[in-house]
Amino acid sequence: MEPLIDAIYRLLPTKAEAALSASLLRDRLENHHELLECTNKKTRYQKVKRLLDKLEADKAGKIFVQPQGKENLYWKRCEPEQQLHYLLTQLSLFQDVIKQRLPASQQQQLADVMQNLPGNKTNWLRKIYIAPSSVWQPPKLDPAVTSVVYQAIEENKAFSCDYTTLKGITRRQTLVPWGLMTKAEKVYVLAIRRGSTKPAPITYALMSIRNAELGDRQTLLEGLPPDTDLRTYCEAHNIGSFAAEAKQITLVVRFYGNAGRNIKETPLSDDMRVQELSNDCREVRATVYNSVELRKYLRGFGEQAEVIAPPDLRQQMVAELHAWLTRYQTK
């Protein structure tokens, strides 16, 4: 279990404007096992104060104290290595969630930290449940592939692989990766294919990559431009929504029954407006991309969603419904 003095030191801020008093530290650590042994708030305060005085003496020059009224305020000098240790410790609690987003070397660091954590820190894991999808399971990635791909990204190298498209066509190709993009349960490599005339990268599903081999170093012209980051690039080019070729439309859709009751909490766009037409019908108007993802979203509501506008999207939904009906009636 983490000693109280270590917990106090960990919580001390590294900026004077965020300094904490002994009473605030006591309140933040009120459930610490050492403080639970104290009989009342006064004795808990006294214990925290004694440990702060000890820290000030043991870490001379690293702990700062500023008198303010009846209490002193405390903060500490920023120590990057110590802060990194705390960060790794915190990240290690979510190892299963983030490990597919980190280079192999950092995954190993997380594994090492996780293995050496005192027992009480892993207690947090008992109180978290990340529910899986009720429809699909996350893809199982080949560790040999992820090791090569992540190393290529980390070291700015190309890699060769067998890539299978959605149409089932597999080709050997060399990819120059810019980085990783995650969406829902899947991880994608944003990369440029060597020999392609397109200057912009496209997405390659990591689960569809086989037999990856590390290649040579990229040139500056091939890799992610040094003056930007992947998030900025993807948002600017609308890559994350898989709607780069889609047109913006003003969608008007009516939801019936309980469908769309919580749509304000998960809006379709910044300009979305919701009008309650009746207790069982609400009309939503929003500027969106007419993408495959949008149409999947609308289909998911079945008869509880009706596209009102634009007319061509409404007709497309009608044609799909007729195709569904025909398919079900012919068997």
Protein backbone atom coordinates (compact mmCIF):
# COMPACT_ATOMS: atom_id res chain seq x y z
CA MET A 1 0.00 0.00 0.00
CA GLU A 2 1.21 3.52 -0.79
CA PRO A 3 2.52 5.23 2.36
CA LEU A 4 0.69 8.41 3.32
CA ILE A 5 3.82 10.53 2.97
CA ASP A 6 4.26 9.36 -0.63
CA ALA A 7 0.61 10.09 -1.40
CA ILE A 8 0.98 13.61 0.01
CA TYR A 9 4.10 14.25 -2.05
CA ARG A 10 2.40 12.92 -5.17
CA LEU A 11 -0.57 15.28 -4.71
CA LEU A 12 1.51 18.39 -4.16
CA PRO A 13 1.17 20.66 -7.20
CA THR A 14 4.18 22.00 -9.08
CA LYS A 15 2.88 25.58 -9.37
CA ALA A 16 2.58 28.15 -6.60
CA GLU A 17 -0.85 29.30 -7.79
CA ALA A 18 -2.17 25.77 -7.25
CA ALA A 19 -0.57 25.27 -3.80
CA LEU A 20 -2.47 23.19 -1.24
CA SER A 21 -2.90 23.50 2.51
CA ALA A 22 -2.65 20.65 5.02
CA SER A 23 -6.42 20.66 5.50
CA LEU A 24 -7.07 20.35 1.75
CA LEU A 25 -4.60 17.48 1.52
CA ARG A 26 -6.29 15.83 4.48
CA ASP A 27 -9.66 16.07 2.76
CA ARG A 28 -8.34 14.69 -0.53
CA LEU A 29 -6.74 11.76 1.26
CA GLU A 30 -9.53 11.14 3.77
CA ASN A 31 -9.91 7.51 2.62
CA HIS A 32 -6.22 6.69 2.92
CA HIS A 33 -5.74 3.71 5.23
CA GLU A 34 -3.37 5.66 7.52
CA LEU A 35 -5.86 8.48 8.00
CA LEU A 36 -8.74 6.09 8.58
CA GLU A 37 -6.90 5.00 11.72
CA CYS A 38 -7.23 8.53 13.15
CA THR A 39 -10.21 9.22 15.38
CA ASN A 40 -11.26 12.64 14.04
CA LYS A 41 -10.50 15.39 11.51
CA LYS A 42 -8.21 17.20 13.92
CA THR A 43 -5.89 14.23 14.41
CA ARG A 44 -5.94 13.54 10.66
CA TYR A 45 -4.93 17.15 10.05
CA GLN A 46 -2.12 16.89 12.59
CA LYS A 47 -0.80 13.74 10.93
CA VAL A 48 -0.77 15.35 7.49
CA LYS A 49 0.91 18.47 8.91
CA ARG A 50 3.67 16.39 10.56
CA LEU A 51 4.35 14.60 7.30
CA LEU A 52 4.46 17.88 5.39
CA ASP A 53 7.03 19.19 7.87
CA LYS A 54 9.03 15.99 7.39
CA LEU A 55 8.89 16.35 3.61
CA GLU A 56 10.05 19.96 3.89
CA ALA A 57 13.06 18.81 5.93
CA ASP A 58 13.87 15.68 3.91
CA LYS A 59 13.48 17.34 0.53
CA ALA A 60 15.08 20.70 1.27
CA GLY A 61 14.94 22.94 -1.77
CA LYS A 62 12.25 20.80 -3.41
CA ILE A 63 9.30 21.69 -1.17
CA PHE A 64 8.07 25.27 -1.05
CA VAL A 65 5.99 26.77 1.77
CA GLN A 66 4.05 30.01 1.71
CA PRO A 67 2.25 31.33 4.82
CA GLN A 68 -1.35 32.33 4.20
CA GLY A 69 -3.55 33.21 7.15
CA LYS A 70 -3.65 30.42 9.71
CA GLU A 71 -2.33 27.77 7.31
CA ASN A 72 0.68 27.35 5.09
CA LEU A 73 0.38 26.49 1.41
CA TYR A 74 2.65 23.83 -0.07
CA TRP A 75 3.90 23.00 -3.53
CA LYS A 76 6.92 21.20 -4.95
CA ARG A 77 9.56 21.63 -7.59
CA CYS A 78 8.67 19.92 -10.85
CA GLU A 79 10.75 16.74 -11.22
CA PRO A 80 10.16 15.33 -14.73
CA GLU A 81 11.36 11.82 -13.90
CA GLN A 82 9.13 11.60 -10.83
CA GLN A 83 6.17 13.04 -12.72
CA LEU A 84 6.76 10.51 -15.51
CA HIS A 85 6.72 7.71 -12.95
CA TYR A 86 3.36 8.91 -11.63
CA LEU A 87 2.02 9.20 -15.17
CA LEU A 88 3.13 5.69 -16.08
CA THR A 89 1.56 4.41 -12.89
CA GLN A 90 -1.75 6.05 -13.76
CA LEU A 91 -1.63 4.89 -17.38
CA SER A 92 -0.83 1.35 -16.30
CA LEU A 93 -4.26 1.13 -14.68
CA PHE A 94 -5.76 1.38 -18.17
CA GLN A 95 -3.24 -0.89 -19.85
CA ASP A 96 -5.84 -3.03 -21.61
CA VAL A 97 -7.53 0.05 -23.06
CA ILE A 98 -4.51 1.95 -24.37
CA LYS A 99 -1.94 -0.72 -25.12
CA GLN A 100 -2.96 -0.91 -28.79
CA ARG A 101 -2.22 2.81 -29.14
CA LEU A 102 1.36 2.76 -27.82
CA PRO A 103 4.72 1.75 -29.28
CA ALA A 104 5.99 -1.66 -28.20
CA SER A 105 8.67 -0.15 -25.98
CA GLN A 106 6.10 1.89 -24.04
CA GLN A 107 3.78 -1.08 -23.81
CA GLN A 108 6.64 -2.96 -22.12
CA GLN A 109 7.21 -0.04 -19.73
CA LEU A 110 3.53 -0.14 -18.81
CA ALA A 111 3.71 -3.88 -18.27
CA ASP A 112 6.76 -3.43 -16.02
CA VAL A 113 5.08 -0.68 -13.99
CA MET A 114 1.90 -2.73 -13.71
CA GLN A 115 3.85 -5.71 -12.42
CA ASN A 116 5.60 -3.67 -9.74
CA LEU A 117 2.58 -1.70 -8.54
CA PRO A 118 1.77 -2.02 -4.84
CA GLY A 119 -1.51 -3.82 -4.25
CA ASN A 120 -3.68 -0.86 -3.29
CA LYS A 121 -3.12 0.96 -6.59
CA THR A 122 -4.63 -1.88 -8.58
CA ASN A 123 -7.77 -1.57 -6.47
CA TRP A 124 -9.05 0.98 -8.98
CA LEU A 125 -9.22 -1.72 -11.64
CA ARG A 126 -11.81 -3.57 -9.57
CA LYS A 127 -14.14 -0.61 -9.92
CA ILE A 128 -14.02 -0.13 -13.69
CA TYR A 129 -15.85 -2.14 -16.33
CA ILE A 130 -15.51 -1.27 -19.99
CA ALA A 131 -18.57 -2.86 -21.53
CA PRO A 132 -18.09 -4.56 -24.89
CA SER A 133 -20.36 -4.03 -27.85
CA SER A 134 -23.45 -6.21 -27.79
CA VAL A 135 -23.02 -6.81 -31.53
CA TRP A 136 -19.31 -7.30 -32.28
CA GLN A 137 -16.05 -8.11 -30.58
CA PRO A 138 -12.90 -6.01 -31.00
CA PRO A 139 -10.57 -7.46 -33.67
CA LYS A 140 -7.69 -9.61 -32.47
CA LEU A 141 -4.50 -8.02 -33.73
CA ASP A 142 -1.40 -10.01 -34.62
CA PRO A 143 1.37 -9.01 -32.15
CA ALA A 144 4.00 -9.60 -34.84
CA VAL A 145 2.24 -7.11 -37.10
CA THR A 146 1.67 -4.45 -34.47
CA SER A 147 5.31 -4.70 -33.36
CA VAL A 148 6.56 -3.93 -36.88
CA VAL A 149 3.95 -1.27 -37.66
CA TYR A 150 4.42 0.59 -34.36
CA GLN A 151 8.19 0.48 -34.73
CA ALA A 152 7.87 1.87 -38.25
CA ILE A 153 5.74 4.75 -36.97
CA GLU A 154 8.04 5.43 -34.03
CA GLU A 155 11.26 5.35 -36.09
CA ASN A 156 9.87 7.04 -39.23
CA LYS A 157 10.38 3.98 -41.40
CA ALA A 158 8.35 2.38 -44.16
CA PHE A 159 7.09 -1.20 -43.92
CA SER A 160 5.95 -3.86 -46.40
CA CYS A 161 2.90 -6.03 -45.84
CA ASP A 162 0.13 -8.08 -47.39
CA TYR A 163 -3.01 -5.97 -47.19
CA THR A 164 -6.52 -7.35 -47.77
CA THR A 165 -9.17 -4.87 -48.92
CA LEU A 166 -12.88 -4.98 -48.11
CA LYS A 167 -13.40 -6.70 -51.47
CA GLY A 168 -11.12 -9.52 -50.38
CA ILE A 169 -8.23 -8.61 -52.66
CA THR A 170 -4.78 -9.11 -51.09
CA ARG A 171 -1.71 -7.34 -52.46
CA ARG A 172 1.85 -6.93 -51.25
CA GLN A 173 2.63 -3.24 -50.84
CA THR A 174 4.98 -0.87 -49.10
CA LEU A 175 3.40 1.72 -46.85
CA VAL A 176 4.84 4.93 -45.42
CA PRO A 177 2.94 5.39 -42.14
CA TRP A 178 2.01 8.79 -40.74
CA GLY A 179 0.50 7.43 -37.55
CA LEU A 180 -2.44 5.62 -35.96
CA MET A 181 -6.12 6.49 -36.00
CA THR A 182 -8.62 4.74 -33.74
CA LYS A 183 -12.33 4.59 -34.35
CA ALA A 184 -14.76 2.61 -32.23
CA GLU A 185 -13.18 -0.83 -31.72
CA LYS A 186 -10.75 -0.61 -34.65
CA VAL A 187 -7.23 0.74 -35.15
CA TYR A 188 -6.15 2.14 -38.51
CA VAL A 189 -2.76 3.06 -39.96
CA LEU A 190 -2.79 6.34 -41.85
CA ALA A 191 -0.22 5.84 -44.60
CA ILE A 192 0.88 6.60 -48.16
CA ARG A 193 1.44 3.66 -50.47
CA ARG A 194 4.79 3.79 -52.20
CA GLY A 195 4.27 4.22 -55.91
CA SER A 196 0.92 5.94 -55.46
CA THR A 197 0.37 9.26 -57.22
CA LYS A 198 -1.83 10.48 -54.38
CA PRO A 199 0.00 12.88 -52.03
CA ALA A 200 -2.46 12.34 -49.18
CA PRO A 201 -2.51 9.28 -46.91
CA ILE A 202 -5.42 6.85 -46.66
CA THR A 203 -6.56 4.53 -43.87
CA TYR A 204 -5.46 0.91 -43.64
CA ALA A 205 -7.19 -1.30 -41.07
CA LEU A 206 -4.54 -2.79 -38.81
CA MET A 207 -6.53 -6.04 -38.56
CA SER A 208 -6.18 -6.49 -42.36
CA ILE A 209 -2.38 -6.32 -42.39
CA ARG A 210 -0.36 -9.54 -42.57
CA ASN A 211 3.32 -10.47 -42.89
CA ALA A 212 4.67 -7.01 -42.05
CA GLU A 213 8.37 -6.36 -42.54
CA LEU A 214 10.26 -3.25 -41.48
CA GLY A 215 11.69 -1.23 -44.33
CA ASP A 216 13.92 1.77 -44.89
CA ARG A 217 13.65 5.25 -43.52
CA GLN A 218 11.14 7.67 -44.95
CA THR A 219 12.06 10.88 -46.66
CA LEU A 220 10.66 14.11 -45.24
CA LEU A 221 8.37 14.34 -48.26
CA GLU A 222 6.82 10.95 -47.57
CA GLY A 223 6.07 11.25 -43.88
CA LEU A 224 3.78 13.35 -41.74
CA PRO A 225 4.60 17.03 -42.40
CA PRO A 226 6.78 18.35 -39.55
CA ASP A 227 4.59 21.44 -39.09
CA THR A 228 1.40 19.56 -38.18
CA ASP A 229 0.08 16.69 -36.09
CA LEU A 230 -2.15 13.80 -37.12
CA ARG A 231 -5.22 15.03 -35.29
CA THR A 232 -5.09 18.45 -36.94
CA TYR A 233 -4.54 16.88 -40.36
CA CYS A 234 -7.38 14.37 -39.99
CA GLU A 235 -9.84 16.98 -38.75
CA ALA A 236 -8.90 19.38 -41.56
CA HIS A 237 -9.38 16.69 -44.22
CA ASN A 238 -12.37 14.99 -42.57
CA ILE A 239 -10.54 11.65 -42.49
CA GLY A 240 -11.83 10.32 -39.18
CA SER A 241 -15.45 10.30 -40.34
CA PHE A 242 -14.66 8.32 -43.52
CA ALA A 243 -16.54 11.08 -45.34
CA ALA A 244 -13.76 12.73 -47.32
CA GLU A 245 -15.73 12.34 -50.59
CA ALA A 246 -19.13 13.01 -49.03
CA LYS A 247 -21.04 16.26 -49.48
CA GLN A 248 -22.46 18.34 -46.67
CA ILE A 249 -26.23 18.33 -46.46
CA THR A 250 -28.93 19.82 -44.26
CA LEU A 251 -30.47 16.72 -42.76
CA VAL A 252 -34.03 16.81 -41.48
CA VAL A 253 -35.11 13.61 -39.77
CA ARG A 254 -38.05 12.74 -37.54
CA PHE A 255 -37.68 10.29 -34.70
CA TYR A 256 -40.68 8.46 -33.29
CA GLY A 257 -41.29 6.81 -29.92
CA ASN A 258 -38.22 6.78 -27.69
CA ALA A 259 -35.79 7.14 -30.58
CA GLY A 260 -33.71 10.29 -30.43
CA ARG A 261 -34.85 11.30 -26.93
CA ASN A 262 -31.24 11.75 -25.82
CA ILE A 263 -29.91 13.13 -29.07
CA LYS A 264 -29.10 16.50 -27.48
CA GLU A 265 -26.48 14.74 -25.37
CA THR A 266 -24.89 13.25 -28.51
CA PRO A 267 -25.57 15.92 -31.16
CA LEU A 268 -25.13 15.29 -34.87
CA SER A 269 -23.51 18.70 -35.41
CA ASP A 270 -22.77 22.00 -33.71
CA ASP A 271 -25.78 23.63 -35.38
CA MET A 272 -28.25 20.84 -34.60
CA ARG A 273 -31.75 21.91 -33.59
CA VAL A 274 -34.43 19.69 -32.09
CA GLN A 275 -38.15 20.48 -32.28
CA GLU A 276 -40.62 18.43 -30.24
CA LEU A 277 -43.58 17.93 -32.60
CA SER A 278 -45.44 15.75 -30.12
CA ASN A 279 -44.74 13.54 -27.13
CA ASP A 280 -43.77 10.72 -29.50
CA CYS A 281 -42.18 12.67 -32.34
CA ARG A 282 -39.21 15.02 -32.51
CA GLU A 283 -37.71 16.61 -35.61
CA VAL A 284 -33.96 17.08 -35.86
CA ARG A 285 -32.24 19.48 -38.27
CA ALA A 286 -28.44 19.40 -38.63
CA THR A 287 -25.65 20.06 -41.11
CA VAL A 288 -23.90 16.71 -41.67
CA TYR A 289 -21.91 14.78 -44.26
CA ASN A 290 -23.93 12.41 -46.43
CA SER A 291 -21.64 9.53 -45.60
CA VAL A 292 -21.97 5.77 -45.36
CA GLU A 293 -21.70 6.18 -41.60
CA LEU A 294 -24.68 8.55 -41.53
CA ARG A 295 -26.83 6.17 -43.51
CA LYS A 296 -25.89 3.27 -41.22
CA TYR A 297 -26.86 5.43 -38.27
CA LEU A 298 -30.28 6.24 -39.76
CA ARG A 299 -30.94 2.61 -40.75
CA GLY A 300 -30.22 1.55 -37.19
CA PHE A 301 -33.43 3.22 -35.97
CA GLY A 302 -35.57 1.21 -38.38
CA GLU A 303 -39.16 2.40 -38.57
CA GLN A 304 -38.55 4.90 -35.76
CA ALA A 305 -36.66 7.29 -38.06
CA GLU A 306 -37.97 9.08 -41.15
CA VAL A 307 -35.73 11.20 -43.38
CA ILE A 308 -37.64 14.31 -44.44
CA ALA A 309 -34.84 16.11 -46.28
CA PRO A 310 -32.88 16.32 -48.48
CA PRO A 311 -35.16 14.66 -51.07
CA ASP A 312 -32.42 12.56 -52.71
CA LEU A 313 -31.41 11.01 -49.36
CA ARG A 314 -35.08 10.30 -48.61
CA GLN A 315 -35.45 8.57 -51.98
CA GLN A 316 -32.29 6.58 -51.35
CA MET A 317 -33.67 5.35 -48.01
CA VAL A 318 -36.99 4.45 -49.70
CA ALA A 319 -35.14 2.48 -52.42
CA GLU A 320 -33.16 0.61 -49.77
CA LEU A 321 -36.35 -0.26 -47.87
CA HIS A 322 -37.92 -1.64 -51.06
CA ALA A 323 -34.76 -3.69 -51.70
CA TRP A 324 -34.91 -5.08 -48.15
CA LEU A 325 -38.56 -5.99 -48.55
CA THR A 326 -37.94 -7.68 -51.89
CA ARG A 327 -35.06 -9.69 -50.47
CA TYR A 328 -37.11 -10.91 -47.53
CA GLN A 329 -40.13 -11.76 -49.69
CA THR A 330 -38.18 -13.87 -52.19
CA LYS A 331 -37.04 -16.43 -49.62
